[in-house]
């Protein structure tokens, strides 16, 4: 009788643990190479917002400055070429 009463709590604990594990949801197959869950639209929206923000705040002003610099350099080069041609005459 002593062994049966000692084995009963162990069986009860084992059964409750098994029931708890069986009731847990199965994990999704997340973390694969192509995980098309809710994160895909979130990443796409984040990418587009960052692209628009960087374009407005960084790329457009820098591109404008580079274009102005190139125009000034071409003007200076043209003037220098004209001065050189006049000096050769």
Protein backbone atom coordinates (compact mmCIF):
# COMPACT_ATOMS: atom_id res chain seq x y z
CA UNK A 1 0.00 0.00 0.00
CA UNK A 2 2.90 2.36 0.77
CA UNK A 3 4.38 1.95 -2.70
CA UNK A 4 1.06 2.48 -4.40
CA UNK A 5 0.42 5.73 -2.53
CA UNK A 6 3.93 6.97 -3.34
CA UNK A 7 3.53 6.10 -7.03
CA UNK A 8 0.13 7.79 -7.32
CA UNK A 9 1.38 11.40 -6.90
CA UNK A 10 4.14 10.75 -9.42
CA UNK A 11 1.65 9.43 -11.96
CA UNK A 12 -0.68 12.36 -11.26
CA UNK A 13 2.19 14.85 -11.74
CA UNK A 14 3.25 13.10 -14.92
CA UNK A 15 -0.31 13.14 -16.27
CA UNK A 16 -0.81 16.83 -15.43
CA UNK A 17 2.52 17.76 -17.01
CA UNK A 18 1.65 15.79 -20.14
CA UNK A 19 -1.76 17.49 -20.31
CA UNK A 20 -0.14 20.91 -19.90
CA UNK A 21 2.40 20.23 -22.64
CA UNK A 22 -0.31 18.85 -24.94
CA UNK A 23 -2.46 21.94 -24.45
CA UNK A 24 0.33 24.34 -25.41
CA UNK A 25 0.09 25.71 -28.96
CA UNK A 26 2.55 24.38 -31.45
CA UNK A 27 5.22 26.88 -32.38
CA UNK A 28 5.03 28.49 -35.80
CA UNK A 29 7.82 27.84 -38.20
CA UNK A 30 9.23 31.31 -37.73
CA UNK A 31 12.74 32.41 -38.40
CA UNK A 32 13.15 30.68 -41.73
CA UNK A 33 14.80 32.27 -44.71
CA UNK A 34 11.47 33.52 -46.08
CA UNK A 35 9.13 34.35 -43.21
CA UNK A 36 6.04 35.87 -44.84
CA UNK A 37 4.10 36.71 -41.71
CA UNK A 38 2.89 40.01 -40.37
CA UNK A 39 6.48 41.27 -40.47
CA UNK A 40 6.66 41.47 -44.27
CA UNK A 41 4.17 44.36 -44.67
CA UNK A 42 5.70 46.07 -41.63
CA UNK A 43 9.20 45.88 -43.10
CA UNK A 44 7.96 47.04 -46.52
CA UNK A 45 6.15 50.05 -45.02
CA UNK A 46 9.15 50.91 -42.86
CA UNK A 47 11.44 50.71 -45.89
CA UNK A 48 9.22 52.99 -47.96
CA UNK A 49 8.88 55.54 -45.15
CA UNK A 50 12.64 55.59 -44.60
CA UNK A 51 13.26 55.91 -48.33
CA UNK A 52 10.91 58.90 -48.61
CA UNK A 53 12.36 60.52 -45.48
CA UNK A 54 15.96 60.12 -46.61
CA UNK A 55 15.09 61.36 -50.08
CA UNK A 56 13.46 64.50 -48.69
CA UNK A 57 15.98 65.26 -45.97
CA UNK A 58 19.28 64.04 -47.40
CA UNK A 59 19.47 62.99 -51.04
CA UNK A 60 17.60 65.92 -52.62
CA UNK A 61 19.60 68.68 -50.87
CA UNK A 62 22.91 66.90 -51.42
CA UNK A 63 22.09 66.27 -55.08
CA UNK A 64 21.19 69.94 -55.52
CA UNK A 65 24.51 71.02 -53.99
CA UNK A 66 26.45 68.60 -56.20
CA UNK A 67 24.63 69.87 -59.29
CA UNK A 68 25.41 73.49 -58.36
CA UNK A 69 29.05 72.59 -57.80
CA UNK A 70 29.25 70.82 -61.17
CA UNK A 71 27.69 73.84 -62.91
CA UNK A 72 30.24 76.18 -61.29
CA UNK A 73 33.10 73.88 -62.26
CA UNK A 74 31.91 73.69 -65.87
CA UNK A 75 31.59 77.48 -65.99
CA UNK A 76 35.09 77.95 -64.57
CA UNK A 77 36.50 75.37 -66.97
CA UNK A 78 34.81 77.09 -69.91
CA UNK A 79 36.19 80.48 -68.84
CA UNK A 80 39.66 79.01 -68.42
CA UNK A 81 39.48 77.44 -71.88
CA UNK A 82 38.40 80.78 -73.39
CA UNK A 83 41.25 82.61 -71.62
CA UNK A 84 43.74 80.02 -72.85
CA UNK A 85 42.52 80.32 -76.45
CA UNK A 86 42.80 84.15 -76.22
CA UNK A 87 46.30 83.87 -74.78
CA UNK A 88 47.37 81.58 -77.65
CA UNK A 89 46.24 84.17 -80.25
